[in-house]
Amino acid sequence: MRVLVVEDTVDIAEAVVMRLEKIGHAVDWERDGLTAAELLEVQPYDLVILDLTLPGRDGIAILKGMRSRKLATPVLVLTARSAVDERIGALDLGADDYLVKPFDYGELEARARALLRRSAGQPDNLLRVGPLVIDRAGRVATVADRPLNLTRRELTVLEILAARPERIVPKEELVEQLFNFDQEASPNAVEQFVTRLRRKLGDAPIEIRTLRGLGYQLAAL
C-alpha cells in the first residue's frame, strides 16, 4: 500500500520507512508538517503515520485538516507525549491508533496491518482467492499449500489484485501503490511483474487477466 510517514526525528523515520518498505509498501517520508499537509491535499494514501511535534505545522493541525476535509485515511499517531488526556484528544480528533515513543517496530507493523485491514473491511491477515492464500503478516503466498517464490514487489502486486478479486485494477493505480516519489516508476515495470507472476502461478486455477486500456483482474477459474 502507499504510506506517508510524517516524522522529523531522522533515526525513527528511517527505521519506520525501512520496515514498511521491507514488507512491500511504497513509503513517502516528510519531516515538515506544512509540506506533509500540502502533500495530503494532492496525493492519496492508504495510511498516514504521524508525529505530533513537527516543524511547520504540528500533527494535531494536520489531523484536524484531514478530518475537516472528510479524508478517511487511517492515521497512526507516533508521539513522545504520554499523557492520557493528549492520547484521548488525538483519538477524539480522528486518529485511529496511537503509539508512544519509544515503541517496538514489530508492534508498529502489526498496528499498521490492522488499520489497513480494517479500512479494507477484511477480518484477518489472510487474503483468499480460490486456492490462492496470501498471508500478509508472514509475507508469503501459497496455491493449494504450494509456496510461491515471489519477490517483494511481485507479492505486493498479487496482494493488491487479491484484495479486490474480479475487480479491475488500473495499471496506474498499481504504479502508485508500488513506487514512492524517489523511485523510478513506469507501467512497463508493472507489466514485467505481472508476466513473472503468471509464470510462477503456472497451471494453478488462478488467472491474472489483462483488460486492454483498463487494467488487470485476478480471478479463480
C-alpha atoms as a PDB file:
ATOM      1  CA  MET A   1       0.000   0.000   0.000  1.00  0.00           C
ATOM      2  CA  ARG A   2       1.011   3.664  -0.229  1.00  0.00           C
ATOM      3  CA  VAL A   3       2.032   5.075   3.175  1.00  0.00           C
ATOM      4  CA  LEU A   4       3.034   8.584   4.266  1.00  0.00           C
ATOM      5  CA  VAL A   5       5.384   8.878   7.252  1.00  0.00           C
ATOM      6  CA  VAL A   6       5.441  12.359   8.822  1.00  0.00           C
ATOM      7  CA  GLU A   7       8.282  12.386  11.351  1.00  0.00           C
ATOM      8  CA  ASP A   8      11.148  14.836  11.921  1.00  0.00           C
ATOM      9  CA  THR A   9      13.337  12.533  14.048  1.00  0.00           C
ATOM     10  CA  VAL A  10      15.593  11.074  11.373  1.00  0.00           C
ATOM     11  CA  ASP A  11      16.569   7.773  13.002  1.00  0.00           C
ATOM     12  CA  ILE A  12      12.964   6.916  13.864  1.00  0.00           C
ATOM     13  CA  ALA A  13      11.687   7.893  10.404  1.00  0.00           C
ATOM     14  CA  GLU A  14      14.400   5.936   8.591  1.00  0.00           C
ATOM     15  CA  ALA A  15      13.680   2.827  10.673  1.00  0.00           C
ATOM     16  CA  VAL A  16       9.927   3.079  10.058  1.00  0.00           C
ATOM     17  CA  VAL A  17      10.419   3.595   6.314  1.00  0.00           C
ATOM     18  CA  MET A  18      12.842   0.672   6.108  1.00  0.00           C
ATOM     19  CA  ARG A  19      10.492  -1.689   7.957  1.00  0.00           C
ATOM     20  CA  LEU A  20       7.472  -0.726   5.842  1.00  0.00           C
ATOM     21  CA  GLU A  21       9.333  -0.914   2.541  1.00  0.00           C
ATOM     22  CA  LYS A  22      10.710  -4.318   3.513  1.00  0.00           C
ATOM     23  CA  ILE A  23       7.175  -5.699   3.773  1.00  0.00           C
ATOM     24  CA  GLY A  24       6.161  -4.285   0.404  1.00  0.00           C
ATOM     25  CA  HIS A  25       4.712  -0.823   0.977  1.00  0.00           C
ATOM     26  CA  ALA A  26       5.554   2.263  -1.085  1.00  0.00           C
ATOM     27  CA  VAL A  27       6.543   4.859   1.520  1.00  0.00           C
ATOM     28  CA  ASP A  28       6.930   8.642   1.290  1.00  0.00           C
ATOM     29  CA  TRP A  29       8.626  10.485   4.151  1.00  0.00           C
ATOM     30  CA  GLU A  30       8.157  14.130   5.096  1.00  0.00           C
ATOM     31  CA  ARG A  31       9.859  15.916   8.007  1.00  0.00           C
ATOM     32  CA  ASP A  32       7.952  19.217   7.753  1.00  0.00           C
ATOM     33  CA  GLY A  33       4.322  19.351   8.826  1.00  0.00           C
ATOM     34  CA  LEU A  34       3.303  22.058   6.363  1.00  0.00           C
ATOM     35  CA  THR A  35       4.797  20.151   3.429  1.00  0.00           C
ATOM     36  CA  ALA A  36       3.033  16.984   4.598  1.00  0.00           C
ATOM     37  CA  ALA A  37      -0.317  18.797   4.836  1.00  0.00           C
ATOM     38  CA  GLU A  38       0.092  20.122   1.292  1.00  0.00           C
ATOM     39  CA  LEU A  39       1.032  16.661   0.037  1.00  0.00           C
ATOM     40  CA  LEU A  40      -2.086  15.129   1.613  1.00  0.00           C
ATOM     41  CA  GLU A  41      -4.219  17.537  -0.408  1.00  0.00           C
ATOM     42  CA  VAL A  42      -2.990  16.138  -3.735  1.00  0.00           C
ATOM     43  CA  GLN A  43      -1.721  12.574  -3.124  1.00  0.00           C
ATOM     44  CA  PRO A  44      -3.982   9.760  -1.846  1.00  0.00           C
ATOM     45  CA  TYR A  45      -2.563   7.407   0.788  1.00  0.00           C
ATOM     46  CA  ASP A  46      -3.741   4.170   2.383  1.00  0.00           C
ATOM     47  CA  LEU A  47      -2.180   5.041   5.758  1.00  0.00           C
ATOM     48  CA  VAL A  48      -0.572   8.058   7.438  1.00  0.00           C
ATOM     49  CA  ILE A  49       1.917   7.570  10.280  1.00  0.00           C
ATOM     50  CA  LEU A  50       2.003  10.939  12.010  1.00  0.00           C
ATOM     51  CA  ASP A  51       4.208  12.506  14.671  1.00  0.00           C
ATOM     52  CA  LEU A  52       2.545  15.256  16.709  1.00  0.00           C
ATOM     53  CA  THR A  53       5.523  17.563  17.296  1.00  0.00           C
ATOM     54  CA  LEU A  54       6.682  18.806  13.904  1.00  0.00           C
ATOM     55  CA  PRO A  55       8.213  21.916  12.341  1.00  0.00           C
ATOM     56  CA  GLY A  56       5.988  23.975  10.075  1.00  0.00           C
ATOM     57  CA  ARG A  57       2.676  22.570  11.283  1.00  0.00           C
ATOM     58  CA  ASP A  58       2.048  20.201  14.165  1.00  0.00           C
ATOM     59  CA  GLY A  59       0.417  16.801  13.835  1.00  0.00           C
ATOM     60  CA  ILE A  60      -2.804  17.861  15.547  1.00  0.00           C
ATOM     61  CA  ALA A  61      -3.347  20.581  12.924  1.00  0.00           C
ATOM     62  CA  ILE A  62      -2.633  18.086  10.127  1.00  0.00           C
ATOM     63  CA  LEU A  63      -5.103  15.629  11.639  1.00  0.00           C
ATOM     64  CA  LYS A  64      -7.779  18.326  12.036  1.00  0.00           C
ATOM     65  CA  GLY A  65      -7.270  19.382   8.427  1.00  0.00           C
ATOM     66  CA  MET A  66      -7.626  15.808   7.136  1.00  0.00           C
ATOM     67  CA  ARG A  67     -10.835  15.157   9.033  1.00  0.00           C
ATOM     68  CA  SER A  68     -12.338  18.559   8.219  1.00  0.00           C
ATOM     69  CA  ARG A  69     -11.956  17.619   4.522  1.00  0.00           C
ATOM     70  CA  LYS A  70     -13.650  14.262   5.267  1.00  0.00           C
ATOM     71  CA  LEU A  71     -10.437  12.434   4.393  1.00  0.00           C
ATOM     72  CA  ALA A  72     -10.943   8.972   5.865  1.00  0.00           C
ATOM     73  CA  THR A  73      -7.337   7.763   5.501  1.00  0.00           C
ATOM     74  CA  PRO A  74      -6.343   5.810   8.653  1.00  0.00           C
ATOM     75  CA  VAL A  75      -3.914   7.727  10.891  1.00  0.00           C
ATOM     76  CA  LEU A  76      -1.478   6.104  13.317  1.00  0.00           C
ATOM     77  CA  VAL A  77      -0.078   8.731  15.678  1.00  0.00           C
ATOM     78  CA  LEU A  78       3.514   8.452  16.935  1.00  0.00           C
ATOM     79  CA  THR A  79       4.485  10.778  19.758  1.00  0.00           C
ATOM     80  CA  ALA A  80       6.574  11.239  22.874  1.00  0.00           C
ATOM     81  CA  ARG A  81       3.535  12.745  24.589  1.00  0.00           C
ATOM     82  CA  SER A  82       2.385  10.078  27.011  1.00  0.00           C
ATOM     83  CA  ALA A  83      -0.310  11.942  28.992  1.00  0.00           C
ATOM     84  CA  VAL A  84      -3.665  10.157  28.810  1.00  0.00           C
ATOM     85  CA  ASP A  85      -5.536  13.393  28.038  1.00  0.00           C
ATOM     86  CA  GLU A  86      -3.336  14.011  24.994  1.00  0.00           C
ATOM     87  CA  ARG A  87      -3.902  10.490  23.706  1.00  0.00           C
ATOM     88  CA  ILE A  88      -7.648  10.867  24.194  1.00  0.00           C
ATOM     89  CA  GLY A  89      -7.553  14.246  22.441  1.00  0.00           C
ATOM     90  CA  ALA A  90      -5.812  12.838  19.365  1.00  0.00           C
ATOM     91  CA  LEU A  91      -8.230   9.903  19.176  1.00  0.00           C
ATOM     92  CA  ASP A  92     -11.228  12.209  19.549  1.00  0.00           C
ATOM     93  CA  LEU A  93      -9.914  14.345  16.680  1.00  0.00           C
ATOM     94  CA  GLY A  94      -9.910  11.336  14.384  1.00  0.00           C
ATOM     95  CA  ALA A  95      -6.679   9.402  14.942  1.00  0.00           C
ATOM     96  CA  ASP A  96      -7.246   5.676  14.508  1.00  0.00           C
ATOM     97  CA  ASP A  97      -4.452   4.424  16.749  1.00  0.00           C
ATOM     98  CA  TYR A  98      -1.663   5.730  18.977  1.00  0.00           C
ATOM     99  CA  LEU A  99       1.907   4.642  19.796  1.00  0.00           C
ATOM    100  CA  VAL A 100       4.050   6.353  22.429  1.00  0.00           C
ATOM    101  CA  LYS A 101       7.803   6.663  21.809  1.00  0.00           C
ATOM    102  CA  PRO A 102       9.899   4.631  22.321  1.00  0.00           C
ATOM    103  CA  PHE A 103       7.952   1.815  20.682  1.00  0.00           C
ATOM    104  CA  ASP A 104       8.640  -1.618  19.240  1.00  0.00           C
ATOM    105  CA  TYR A 105       8.835  -1.604  15.433  1.00  0.00           C
ATOM    106  CA  GLY A 106       7.208  -5.016  15.262  1.00  0.00           C
ATOM    107  CA  GLU A 107       4.211  -3.584  17.107  1.00  0.00           C
ATOM    108  CA  LEU A 108       4.113  -0.662  14.682  1.00  0.00           C
ATOM    109  CA  GLU A 109       3.973  -3.106  11.745  1.00  0.00           C
ATOM    110  CA  ALA A 110       1.159  -5.046  13.413  1.00  0.00           C
ATOM    111  CA  ARG A 111      -0.846  -1.897  14.115  1.00  0.00           C
ATOM    112  CA  ALA A 112      -0.323  -0.673  10.554  1.00  0.00           C
ATOM    113  CA  ARG A 113      -1.564  -4.024   9.212  1.00  0.00           C
ATOM    114  CA  ALA A 114      -4.614  -3.842  11.475  1.00  0.00           C
ATOM    115  CA  LEU A 115      -5.505  -0.337  10.293  1.00  0.00           C
ATOM    116  CA  LEU A 116      -5.071  -1.242   6.620  1.00  0.00           C
ATOM    117  CA  ARG A 117      -7.108  -4.419   7.118  1.00  0.00           C
ATOM    118  CA  ARG A 118      -9.868  -2.544   8.939  1.00  0.00           C
ATOM    119  CA  SER A 119     -10.098   0.169   6.286  1.00  0.00           C
ATOM    120  CA  ALA A 120     -10.436  -2.530   3.610  1.00  0.00           C
ATOM    121  CA  GLY A 121     -13.117  -4.356   5.606  1.00  0.00           C
ATOM    122  CA  GLN A 122     -11.062  -7.542   5.943  1.00  0.00           C
ATOM    123  CA  PRO A 123     -11.390  -9.661   9.112  1.00  0.00           C
ATOM    124  CA  ASP A 124      -7.853 -11.088   9.263  1.00  0.00           C
ATOM    125  CA  ASN A 125      -4.425 -11.037   7.612  1.00  0.00           C
ATOM    126  CA  LEU A 126      -5.271 -13.767   5.083  1.00  0.00           C
ATOM    127  CA  LEU A 127      -6.401 -12.992   1.554  1.00  0.00           C
ATOM    128  CA  ARG A 128      -8.078 -15.913  -0.245  1.00  0.00           C
ATOM    129  CA  VAL A 129      -8.953 -16.220  -3.918  1.00  0.00           C
ATOM    130  CA  GLY A 130      -9.809 -19.808  -4.802  1.00  0.00           C
ATOM    131  CA  PRO A 131      -6.763 -21.935  -3.864  1.00  0.00           C
ATOM    132  CA  LEU A 132      -4.572 -18.816  -3.531  1.00  0.00           C
ATOM    133  CA  VAL A 133      -3.846 -17.717   0.038  1.00  0.00           C
ATOM    134  CA  ILE A 134      -1.747 -14.659   0.897  1.00  0.00           C
ATOM    135  CA  ASP A 135      -0.586 -14.247   4.494  1.00  0.00           C
ATOM    136  CA  ARG A 136       0.008 -10.516   4.804  1.00  0.00           C
ATOM    137  CA  ALA A 137       1.631 -10.825   8.218  1.00  0.00           C
ATOM    138  CA  GLY A 138       4.031 -13.580   7.190  1.00  0.00           C
ATOM    139  CA  ARG A 139       4.523 -12.100   3.684  1.00  0.00           C
ATOM    140  CA  VAL A 140       4.026 -15.451   1.955  1.00  0.00           C
ATOM    141  CA  ALA A 141       1.665 -16.700  -0.749  1.00  0.00           C
ATOM    142  CA  THR A 142       0.616 -20.284  -1.451  1.00  0.00           C
ATOM    143  CA  VAL A 143      -1.532 -22.041  -4.042  1.00  0.00           C
ATOM    144  CA  ALA A 144      -3.121 -25.235  -2.713  1.00  0.00           C
ATOM    145  CA  ASP A 145      -0.480 -25.164   0.073  1.00  0.00           C
ATOM    146  CA  ARG A 146       2.335 -24.867  -2.501  1.00  0.00           C
ATOM    147  CA  PRO A 147       4.512 -21.837  -1.648  1.00  0.00           C
ATOM    148  CA  LEU A 148       5.132 -19.314  -4.405  1.00  0.00           C
ATOM    149  CA  ASN A 149       8.678 -17.972  -4.597  1.00  0.00           C
ATOM    150  CA  LEU A 150       7.870 -14.287  -5.091  1.00  0.00           C
ATOM    151  CA  THR A 151       9.914 -11.116  -4.823  1.00  0.00           C
ATOM    152  CA  ARG A 152       8.698  -8.345  -2.552  1.00  0.00           C
ATOM    153  CA  ARG A 153       7.120  -6.376  -5.385  1.00  0.00           C
ATOM    154  CA  GLU A 154       5.644  -9.440  -7.079  1.00  0.00           C
ATOM    155  CA  LEU A 155       3.942 -10.306  -3.790  1.00  0.00           C
ATOM    156  CA  THR A 156       2.681  -6.745  -3.444  1.00  0.00           C
ATOM    157  CA  VAL A 157       1.141  -6.779  -6.937  1.00  0.00           C
ATOM    158  CA  LEU A 158      -0.556 -10.102  -6.198  1.00  0.00           C
ATOM    159  CA  GLU A 159      -1.769  -8.781  -2.839  1.00  0.00           C
ATOM    160  CA  ILE A 160      -3.311  -5.656  -4.409  1.00  0.00           C
ATOM    161  CA  LEU A 161      -5.141  -7.738  -7.008  1.00  0.00           C
ATOM    162  CA  ALA A 162      -6.238 -10.377  -4.479  1.00  0.00           C
ATOM    163  CA  ALA A 163      -7.695  -7.722  -2.181  1.00  0.00           C
ATOM    164  CA  ARG A 164     -10.184  -6.926  -4.977  1.00  0.00           C
ATOM    165  CA  PRO A 165     -10.890 -10.205  -6.778  1.00  0.00           C
ATOM    166  CA  GLU A 166     -12.854  -9.921 -10.013  1.00  0.00           C
ATOM    167  CA  ARG A 167     -12.466  -6.126  -9.917  1.00  0.00           C
ATOM    168  CA  ILE A 168     -10.376  -4.252 -12.451  1.00  0.00           C
ATOM    169  CA  VAL A 169      -7.308  -2.541 -11.000  1.00  0.00           C
ATOM    170  CA  PRO A 170      -5.899   0.167 -13.310  1.00  0.00           C
ATOM    171  CA  LYS A 171      -2.211  -0.107 -14.169  1.00  0.00           C
ATOM    172  CA  GLU A 172      -1.695   3.465 -12.946  1.00  0.00           C
ATOM    173  CA  GLU A 173      -3.030   2.503  -9.524  1.00  0.00           C
ATOM    174  CA  LEU A 174      -0.522  -0.336  -9.288  1.00  0.00           C
ATOM    175  CA  VAL A 175       2.280   2.111 -10.120  1.00  0.00           C
ATOM    176  CA  GLU A 176       1.023   4.405  -7.337  1.00  0.00           C
ATOM    177  CA  GLN A 177       0.978   1.555  -4.818  1.00  0.00           C
ATOM    178  CA  LEU A 178       4.386   0.138  -5.755  1.00  0.00           C
ATOM    179  CA  PHE A 179       6.664   3.163  -6.023  1.00  0.00           C
ATOM    180  CA  ASN A 180       7.327   6.216  -3.872  1.00  0.00           C
ATOM    181  CA  PHE A 181       8.373   9.643  -5.153  1.00  0.00           C
ATOM    182  CA  ASP A 182      12.085   8.796  -5.005  1.00  0.00           C
ATOM    183  CA  GLN A 183      11.797   5.686  -7.172  1.00  0.00           C
ATOM    184  CA  GLU A 184      11.634   5.474 -10.932  1.00  0.00           C
ATOM    185  CA  ALA A 185       8.199   4.117 -11.831  1.00  0.00           C
ATOM    186  CA  SER A 186       6.721   3.023 -15.122  1.00  0.00           C
ATOM    187  CA  PRO A 187       3.773   0.975 -16.415  1.00  0.00           C
ATOM    188  CA  ASN A 188       6.344  -1.261 -18.138  1.00  0.00           C
ATOM    189  CA  ALA A 189       7.662  -2.347 -14.739  1.00  0.00           C
ATOM    190  CA  VAL A 190       4.145  -3.383 -13.712  1.00  0.00           C
ATOM    191  CA  GLU A 191       3.788  -5.404 -16.910  1.00  0.00           C
ATOM    192  CA  GLN A 192       7.021  -7.236 -16.078  1.00  0.00           C
ATOM    193  CA  PHE A 193       5.797  -8.075 -12.559  1.00  0.00           C
ATOM    194  CA  VAL A 194       2.514  -9.420 -13.965  1.00  0.00           C
ATOM    195  CA  THR A 195       4.353 -11.514 -16.559  1.00  0.00           C
ATOM    196  CA  ARG A 196       6.556 -13.067 -13.881  1.00  0.00           C
ATOM    197  CA  LEU A 197       3.550 -13.713 -11.631  1.00  0.00           C
ATOM    198  CA  ARG A 198       1.743 -15.555 -14.415  1.00  0.00           C
ATOM    199  CA  ARG A 199       4.797 -17.718 -14.971  1.00  0.00           C
ATOM    200  CA  LYS A 200       5.134 -18.522 -11.262  1.00  0.00           C
ATOM    201  CA  LEU A 201       1.435 -19.308 -10.895  1.00  0.00           C
ATOM    202  CA  GLY A 202       1.937 -21.863 -13.675  1.00  0.00           C
ATOM    203  CA  ASP A 203      -1.097 -24.066 -14.250  1.00  0.00           C
ATOM    204  CA  ALA A 204      -2.797 -23.099 -10.982  1.00  0.00           C
ATOM    205  CA  PRO A 205      -6.508 -22.288 -11.407  1.00  0.00           C
ATOM    206  CA  ILE A 206      -5.801 -18.598 -10.864  1.00  0.00           C
ATOM    207  CA  GLU A 207      -5.769 -16.111 -13.731  1.00  0.00           C
ATOM    208  CA  ILE A 208      -4.450 -12.549 -13.986  1.00  0.00           C
ATOM    209  CA  ARG A 209      -6.430 -11.066 -16.843  1.00  0.00           C
ATOM    210  CA  THR A 210      -5.341  -8.057 -18.866  1.00  0.00           C
ATOM    211  CA  LEU A 211      -8.186  -5.787 -19.909  1.00  0.00           C
ATOM    212  CA  ARG A 212      -6.644  -3.592 -22.558  1.00  0.00           C
ATOM    213  CA  GLY A 213      -6.895   0.084 -21.695  1.00  0.00           C
ATOM    214  CA  LEU A 214      -8.428  -0.672 -18.290  1.00  0.00           C
ATOM    215  CA  GLY A 215      -6.034  -2.689 -16.138  1.00  0.00           C
ATOM    216  CA  TYR A 216      -5.736  -6.114 -14.517  1.00  0.00           C
ATOM    217  CA  GLN A 217      -8.170  -8.504 -12.882  1.00  0.00           C
ATOM    218  CA  LEU A 218      -7.475 -11.522 -10.663  1.00  0.00           C
ATOM    219  CA  ALA A 219      -9.908 -14.418 -10.780  1.00  0.00           C
ATOM    220  CA  ALA A 220     -10.166 -18.043  -9.697  1.00  0.00           C
ATOM    221  CA  LEU A 221     -11.013 -20.397 -12.554  1.00  0.00           C
END
